[in-house]
Amino acid sequence: MVFWSFPPTSKQLKFTLSGVVAGFTLIAAGAYLSFSNIAPQQARAKARKDYIKARLKQLEKLFSG
């Protein structure tokens, strides 16, 4: 824990509060964008998984033959 030798001025408190609010805003915006773009990412992952499964089945048929 940090103990100050002197209390922060009102200007310092305003800058600190502004920085904290800006940080929370950026985190919230990033979380929103992440969750709003998750469906296309899941669709790509599912398509990739389905392609790999189909390709492996095709190769299995070819080599078990």
PDB file of N, CA and C in Angstrom:
ATOM      1  N   MET A   1       0.840  -1.175   0.000  1.00  0.00           N
ATOM      2  CA  MET A   1       0.000   0.000   0.000  1.00  0.00           C
ATOM      3  C   MET A   1       0.884   1.238   0.000  1.00  0.00           C
ATOM      4  N   VAL A   2       0.481   2.234  -0.723  1.00  0.00           N
ATOM      5  CA  VAL A   2       1.277   3.453  -0.842  1.00  0.00           C
ATOM      6  C   VAL A   2       0.685   4.535   0.056  1.00  0.00           C
ATOM      7  N   PHE A   3       1.560   5.139   0.824  1.00  0.00           N
ATOM      8  CA  PHE A   3       1.138   6.265   1.655  1.00  0.00           C
ATOM      9  C   PHE A   3       1.804   7.522   1.116  1.00  0.00           C
ATOM     10  N   TRP A   4       1.008   8.531   0.832  1.00  0.00           N
ATOM     11  CA  TRP A   4       1.549   9.774   0.308  1.00  0.00           C
ATOM     12  C   TRP A   4       2.054  10.653   1.445  1.00  0.00           C
ATOM     13  N   SER A   5       3.102  11.388   1.122  1.00  0.00           N
ATOM     14  CA  SER A   5       3.613  12.349   2.098  1.00  0.00           C
ATOM     15  C   SER A   5       2.706  13.568   2.174  1.00  0.00           C
ATOM     16  N   PHE A   6       1.954  13.797   1.084  1.00  0.00           N
ATOM     17  CA  PHE A   6       1.038  14.938   1.028  1.00  0.00           C
ATOM     18  C   PHE A   6      -0.184  14.503   0.230  1.00  0.00           C
ATOM     19  N   PRO A   7      -1.329  15.086   0.511  1.00  0.00           N
ATOM     20  CA  PRO A   7      -2.540  14.704  -0.231  1.00  0.00           C
ATOM     21  C   PRO A   7      -2.486  15.231  -1.665  1.00  0.00           C
ATOM     22  N   PRO A   8      -3.088  14.508  -2.611  1.00  0.00           N
ATOM     23  CA  PRO A   8      -3.081  14.976  -3.998  1.00  0.00           C
ATOM     24  C   PRO A   8      -3.931  16.241  -4.151  1.00  0.00           C
ATOM     25  N   THR A   9      -3.531  17.070  -5.086  1.00  0.00           N
ATOM     26  CA  THR A   9      -4.293  18.297  -5.340  1.00  0.00           C
ATOM     27  C   THR A   9      -5.554  17.946  -6.120  1.00  0.00           C
ATOM     28  N   SER A  10      -6.460  18.892  -6.215  1.00  0.00           N
ATOM     29  CA  SER A  10      -7.698  18.634  -6.952  1.00  0.00           C
ATOM     30  C   SER A  10      -7.401  18.405  -8.433  1.00  0.00           C
ATOM     31  N   LYS A  11      -6.394  19.075  -8.962  1.00  0.00           N
ATOM     32  CA  LYS A  11      -6.013  18.878 -10.367  1.00  0.00           C
ATOM     33  C   LYS A  11      -5.497  17.447 -10.583  1.00  0.00           C
ATOM     34  N   GLN A  12      -4.687  16.958  -9.665  1.00  0.00           N
ATOM     35  CA  GLN A  12      -4.175  15.592  -9.768  1.00  0.00           C
ATOM     36  C   GLN A  12      -5.310  14.574  -9.679  1.00  0.00           C
ATOM     37  N   LEU A  13      -6.261  14.825  -8.795  1.00  0.00           N
ATOM     38  CA  LEU A  13      -7.399  13.918  -8.667  1.00  0.00           C
ATOM     39  C   LEU A  13      -8.235  13.893  -9.940  1.00  0.00           C
ATOM     40  N   LYS A  14      -8.415  15.067 -10.567  1.00  0.00           N
ATOM     41  CA  LYS A  14      -9.181  15.136 -11.818  1.00  0.00           C
ATOM     42  C   LYS A  14      -8.491  14.337 -12.920  1.00  0.00           C
ATOM     43  N   PHE A  15      -7.165  14.491 -13.032  1.00  0.00           N
ATOM     44  CA  PHE A  15      -6.430  13.748 -14.052  1.00  0.00           C
ATOM     45  C   PHE A  15      -6.471  12.244 -13.783  1.00  0.00           C
ATOM     46  N   THR A  16      -6.350  11.861 -12.538  1.00  0.00           N
ATOM     47  CA  THR A  16      -6.412  10.446 -12.190  1.00  0.00           C
ATOM     48  C   THR A  16      -7.781   9.871 -12.516  1.00  0.00           C
ATOM     49  N   LEU A  17      -8.824  10.568 -12.123  1.00  0.00           N
ATOM     50  CA  LEU A  17     -10.181  10.112 -12.402  1.00  0.00           C
ATOM     51  C   LEU A  17     -10.438  10.048 -13.906  1.00  0.00           C
ATOM     52  N   SER A  18      -9.945  11.040 -14.640  1.00  0.00           N
ATOM     53  CA  SER A  18     -10.107  11.038 -16.098  1.00  0.00           C
ATOM     54  C   SER A  18      -9.409   9.834 -16.721  1.00  0.00           C
ATOM     55  N   GLY A  19      -8.230   9.518 -16.241  1.00  0.00           N
ATOM     56  CA  GLY A  19      -7.497   8.359 -16.755  1.00  0.00           C
ATOM     57  C   GLY A  19      -8.215   7.055 -16.466  1.00  0.00           C
ATOM     58  N   VAL A  20      -8.759   6.929 -15.267  1.00  0.00           N
ATOM     59  CA  VAL A  20      -9.494   5.717 -14.898  1.00  0.00           C
ATOM     60  C   VAL A  20     -10.751   5.576 -15.747  1.00  0.00           C
ATOM     61  N   VAL A  21     -11.482   6.658 -15.930  1.00  0.00           N
ATOM     62  CA  VAL A  21     -12.700   6.628 -16.752  1.00  0.00           C
ATOM     63  C   VAL A  21     -12.355   6.279 -18.201  1.00  0.00           C
ATOM     64  N   ALA A  22     -11.282   6.861 -18.728  1.00  0.00           N
ATOM     65  CA  ALA A  22     -10.860   6.554 -20.100  1.00  0.00           C
ATOM     66  C   ALA A  22     -10.486   5.078 -20.226  1.00  0.00           C
ATOM     67  N   GLY A  23      -9.807   4.542 -19.233  1.00  0.00           N
ATOM     68  CA  GLY A  23      -9.442   3.126 -19.251  1.00  0.00           C
ATOM     69  C   GLY A  23     -10.660   2.224 -19.238  1.00  0.00           C
ATOM     70  N   PHE A  24     -11.605   2.518 -18.357  1.00  0.00           N
ATOM     71  CA  PHE A  24     -12.837   1.721 -18.313  1.00  0.00           C
ATOM     72  C   PHE A  24     -13.599   1.808 -19.631  1.00  0.00           C
ATOM     73  N   THR A  25     -13.609   2.994 -20.234  1.00  0.00           N
ATOM     74  CA  THR A  25     -14.301   3.171 -21.511  1.00  0.00           C
ATOM     75  C   THR A  25     -13.663   2.311 -22.600  1.00  0.00           C
ATOM     76  N   LEU A  26     -12.345   2.311 -22.657  1.00  0.00           N
ATOM     77  CA  LEU A  26     -11.652   1.493 -23.660  1.00  0.00           C
ATOM     78  C   LEU A  26     -11.888   0.003 -23.430  1.00  0.00           C
ATOM     79  N   ILE A  27     -11.869  -0.426 -22.186  1.00  0.00           N
ATOM     80  CA  ILE A  27     -12.125  -1.836 -21.877  1.00  0.00           C
ATOM     81  C   ILE A  27     -13.545  -2.211 -22.263  1.00  0.00           C
ATOM     82  N   ALA A  28     -14.507  -1.359 -21.948  1.00  0.00           N
ATOM     83  CA  ALA A  28     -15.905  -1.637 -22.294  1.00  0.00           C
ATOM     84  C   ALA A  28     -16.098  -1.684 -23.805  1.00  0.00           C
ATOM     85  N   ALA A  29     -15.470  -0.766 -24.531  1.00  0.00           N
ATOM     86  CA  ALA A  29     -15.588  -0.763 -25.996  1.00  0.00           C
ATOM     87  C   ALA A  29     -14.967  -2.025 -26.582  1.00  0.00           C
ATOM     88  N   GLY A  30     -13.831  -2.438 -26.072  1.00  0.00           N
ATOM     89  CA  GLY A  30     -13.188  -3.665 -26.548  1.00  0.00           C
ATOM     90  C   GLY A  30     -14.025  -4.893 -26.268  1.00  0.00           C
ATOM     91  N   ALA A  31     -14.614  -4.966 -25.093  1.00  0.00           N
ATOM     92  CA  ALA A  31     -15.473  -6.107 -24.754  1.00  0.00           C
ATOM     93  C   ALA A  31     -16.701  -6.139 -25.646  1.00  0.00           C
ATOM     94  N   TYR A  32     -17.294  -4.988 -25.901  1.00  0.00           N
ATOM     95  CA  TYR A  32     -18.466  -4.926 -26.777  1.00  0.00           C
ATOM     96  C   TYR A  32     -18.116  -5.410 -28.177  1.00  0.00           C
ATOM     97  N   LEU A  33     -17.015  -4.908 -28.728  1.00  0.00           N
ATOM     98  CA  LEU A  33     -16.619  -5.314 -30.078  1.00  0.00           C
ATOM     99  C   LEU A  33     -16.270  -6.796 -30.131  1.00  0.00           C
ATOM    100  N   SER A  34     -15.665  -7.299 -29.074  1.00  0.00           N
ATOM    101  CA  SER A  34     -15.313  -8.713 -29.036  1.00  0.00           C
ATOM    102  C   SER A  34     -16.562  -9.586 -29.052  1.00  0.00           C
ATOM    103  N   PHE A  35     -17.546  -9.243 -28.233  1.00  0.00           N
ATOM    104  CA  PHE A  35     -18.759 -10.057 -28.174  1.00  0.00           C
ATOM    105  C   PHE A  35     -19.637  -9.876 -29.401  1.00  0.00           C
ATOM    106  N   SER A  36     -19.604  -8.701 -30.025  1.00  0.00           N
ATOM    107  CA  SER A  36     -20.446  -8.492 -31.202  1.00  0.00           C
ATOM    108  C   SER A  36     -19.885  -9.214 -32.424  1.00  0.00           C
ATOM    109  N   ASN A  37     -18.591  -9.532 -32.420  1.00  0.00           N
ATOM    110  CA  ASN A  37     -17.969 -10.203 -33.563  1.00  0.00           C
ATOM    111  C   ASN A  37     -17.706 -11.681 -33.315  1.00  0.00           C
ATOM    112  N   ILE A  38     -18.291 -12.247 -32.272  1.00  0.00           N
ATOM    113  CA  ILE A  38     -17.973 -13.629 -31.939  1.00  0.00           C
ATOM    114  C   ILE A  38     -18.683 -14.626 -32.856  1.00  0.00           C
ATOM    115  N   ALA A  39     -19.869 -14.303 -33.351  1.00  0.00           N
ATOM    116  CA  ALA A  39     -20.613 -15.241 -34.197  1.00  0.00           C
ATOM    117  C   ALA A  39     -19.869 -15.570 -35.491  1.00  0.00           C
ATOM    118  N   PRO A  40     -19.339 -14.597 -36.226  1.00  0.00           N
ATOM    119  CA  PRO A  40     -18.589 -14.954 -37.434  1.00  0.00           C
ATOM    120  C   PRO A  40     -17.344 -15.797 -37.134  1.00  0.00           C
ATOM    121  N   GLN A  41     -16.699 -15.527 -36.014  1.00  0.00           N
ATOM    122  CA  GLN A  41     -15.517 -16.309 -35.652  1.00  0.00           C
ATOM    123  C   GLN A  41     -15.907 -17.751 -35.348  1.00  0.00           C
ATOM    124  N   GLN A  42     -17.019 -17.930 -34.640  1.00  0.00           N
ATOM    125  CA  GLN A  42     -17.482 -19.281 -34.344  1.00  0.00           C
ATOM    126  C   GLN A  42     -17.880 -20.006 -35.617  1.00  0.00           C
ATOM    127  N   ALA A  43     -18.486 -19.305 -36.562  1.00  0.00           N
ATOM    128  CA  ALA A  43     -18.885 -19.920 -37.828  1.00  0.00           C
ATOM    129  C   ALA A  43     -17.654 -20.375 -38.609  1.00  0.00           C
ATOM    130  N   ARG A  44     -16.610 -19.568 -38.639  1.00  0.00           N
ATOM    131  CA  ARG A  44     -15.383 -19.964 -39.337  1.00  0.00           C
ATOM    132  C   ARG A  44     -14.747 -21.178 -38.674  1.00  0.00           C
ATOM    133  N   ALA A  45     -14.726 -21.199 -37.356  1.00  0.00           N
ATOM    134  CA  ALA A  45     -14.139 -22.332 -36.639  1.00  0.00           C
ATOM    135  C   ALA A  45     -14.932 -23.606 -36.899  1.00  0.00           C
ATOM    136  N   LYS A  46     -16.252 -23.515 -36.925  1.00  0.00           N
ATOM    137  CA  LYS A  46     -17.089 -24.684 -37.192  1.00  0.00           C
ATOM    138  C   LYS A  46     -16.882 -25.176 -38.619  1.00  0.00           C
ATOM    139  N   ALA A  47     -16.812 -24.259 -39.581  1.00  0.00           N
ATOM    140  CA  ALA A  47     -16.588 -24.651 -40.975  1.00  0.00           C
ATOM    141  C   ALA A  47     -15.236 -25.347 -41.125  1.00  0.00           C
ATOM    142  N   ARG A  48     -14.216 -24.834 -40.455  1.00  0.00           N
ATOM    143  CA  ARG A  48     -12.889 -25.443 -40.511  1.00  0.00           C
ATOM    144  C   ARG A  48     -12.916 -26.841 -39.903  1.00  0.00           C
ATOM    145  N   LYS A  49     -13.600 -26.978 -38.767  1.00  0.00           N
ATOM    146  CA  LYS A  49     -13.700 -28.270 -38.093  1.00  0.00           C
ATOM    147  C   LYS A  49     -14.444 -29.278 -38.966  1.00  0.00           C
ATOM    148  N   ASP A  50     -15.545 -28.846 -39.574  1.00  0.00           N
ATOM    149  CA  ASP A  50     -16.320 -29.733 -40.443  1.00  0.00           C
ATOM    150  C   ASP A  50     -15.504 -30.159 -41.660  1.00  0.00           C
ATOM    151  N   TYR A  51     -14.737 -29.235 -42.234  1.00  0.00           N
ATOM    152  CA  TYR A  51     -13.902 -29.566 -43.388  1.00  0.00           C
ATOM    153  C   TYR A  51     -12.853 -30.609 -43.009  1.00  0.00           C
ATOM    154  N   ILE A  52     -12.216 -30.426 -41.870  1.00  0.00           N
ATOM    155  CA  ILE A  52     -11.180 -31.371 -41.439  1.00  0.00           C
ATOM    156  C   ILE A  52     -11.781 -32.745 -41.190  1.00  0.00           C
ATOM    157  N   LYS A  53     -12.945 -32.798 -40.551  1.00  0.00           N
ATOM    158  CA  LYS A  53     -13.606 -34.087 -40.311  1.00  0.00           C
ATOM    159  C   LYS A  53     -13.930 -34.784 -41.628  1.00  0.00           C
ATOM    160  N   ALA A  54     -14.491 -34.032 -42.578  1.00  0.00           N
ATOM    161  CA  ALA A  54     -14.845 -34.618 -43.873  1.00  0.00           C
ATOM    162  C   ALA A  54     -13.594 -35.100 -44.601  1.00  0.00           C
ATOM    163  N   ARG A  55     -12.529 -34.331 -44.555  1.00  0.00           N
ATOM    164  CA  ARG A  55     -11.280 -34.708 -45.229  1.00  0.00           C
ATOM    165  C   ARG A  55     -10.681 -35.952 -44.591  1.00  0.00           C
ATOM    166  N   LEU A  56     -10.712 -36.052 -43.279  1.00  0.00           N
ATOM    167  CA  LEU A  56     -10.180 -37.235 -42.607  1.00  0.00           C
ATOM    168  C   LEU A  56     -10.999 -38.476 -42.941  1.00  0.00           C
ATOM    169  N   LYS A  57     -12.316 -38.332 -43.009  1.00  0.00           N
ATOM    170  CA  LYS A  57     -13.160 -39.468 -43.391  1.00  0.00           C
ATOM    171  C   LYS A  57     -12.852 -39.899 -44.818  1.00  0.00           C
ATOM    172  N   GLN A  58     -12.640 -38.929 -45.697  1.00  0.00           N
ATOM    173  CA  GLN A  58     -12.319 -39.225 -47.090  1.00  0.00           C
ATOM    174  C   GLN A  58     -10.980 -39.971 -47.174  1.00  0.00           C
ATOM    175  N   LEU A  59      -9.993 -39.529 -46.432  1.00  0.00           N
ATOM    176  CA  LEU A  59      -8.693 -40.187 -46.440  1.00  0.00           C
ATOM    177  C   LEU A  59      -8.772 -41.575 -45.813  1.00  0.00           C
ATOM    178  N   GLU A  60      -9.603 -41.710 -44.784  1.00  0.00           N
ATOM    179  CA  GLU A  60      -9.768 -43.012 -44.144  1.00  0.00           C
ATOM    180  C   GLU A  60     -10.351 -44.015 -45.132  1.00  0.00           C
ATOM    181  N   LYS A  61     -11.354 -43.598 -45.902  1.00  0.00           N
ATOM    182  CA  LYS A  61     -11.945 -44.469 -46.921  1.00  0.00           C
ATOM    183  C   LYS A  61     -10.908 -44.845 -47.971  1.00  0.00           C
ATOM    184  N   LEU A  62     -10.113 -43.889 -48.368  1.00  0.00           N
ATOM    185  CA  LEU A  62      -9.121 -44.096 -49.412  1.00  0.00           C
ATOM    186  C   LEU A  62      -8.070 -45.116 -48.986  1.00  0.00           C
ATOM    187  N   PHE A  63      -7.600 -45.031 -47.747  1.00  0.00           N
ATOM    188  CA  PHE A  63      -6.523 -45.900 -47.296  1.00  0.00           C
ATOM    189  C   PHE A  63      -7.009 -47.206 -46.678  1.00  0.00           C
ATOM    190  N   SER A  64      -8.257 -47.278 -46.256  1.00  0.00           N
ATOM    191  CA  SER A  64      -8.742 -48.523 -45.664  1.00  0.00           C
ATOM    192  C   SER A  64      -9.270 -49.458 -46.743  1.00  0.00           C
ATOM    193  N   GLY A  65      -9.515 -48.929 -47.873  1.00  0.00           N
ATOM    194  CA  GLY A  65     -10.027 -49.487 -48.987  1.00  0.00           C
ATOM    195  C   GLY A  65     -10.265 -50.672 -49.596  1.00  0.00           C
TER     196      GLY A  65
END
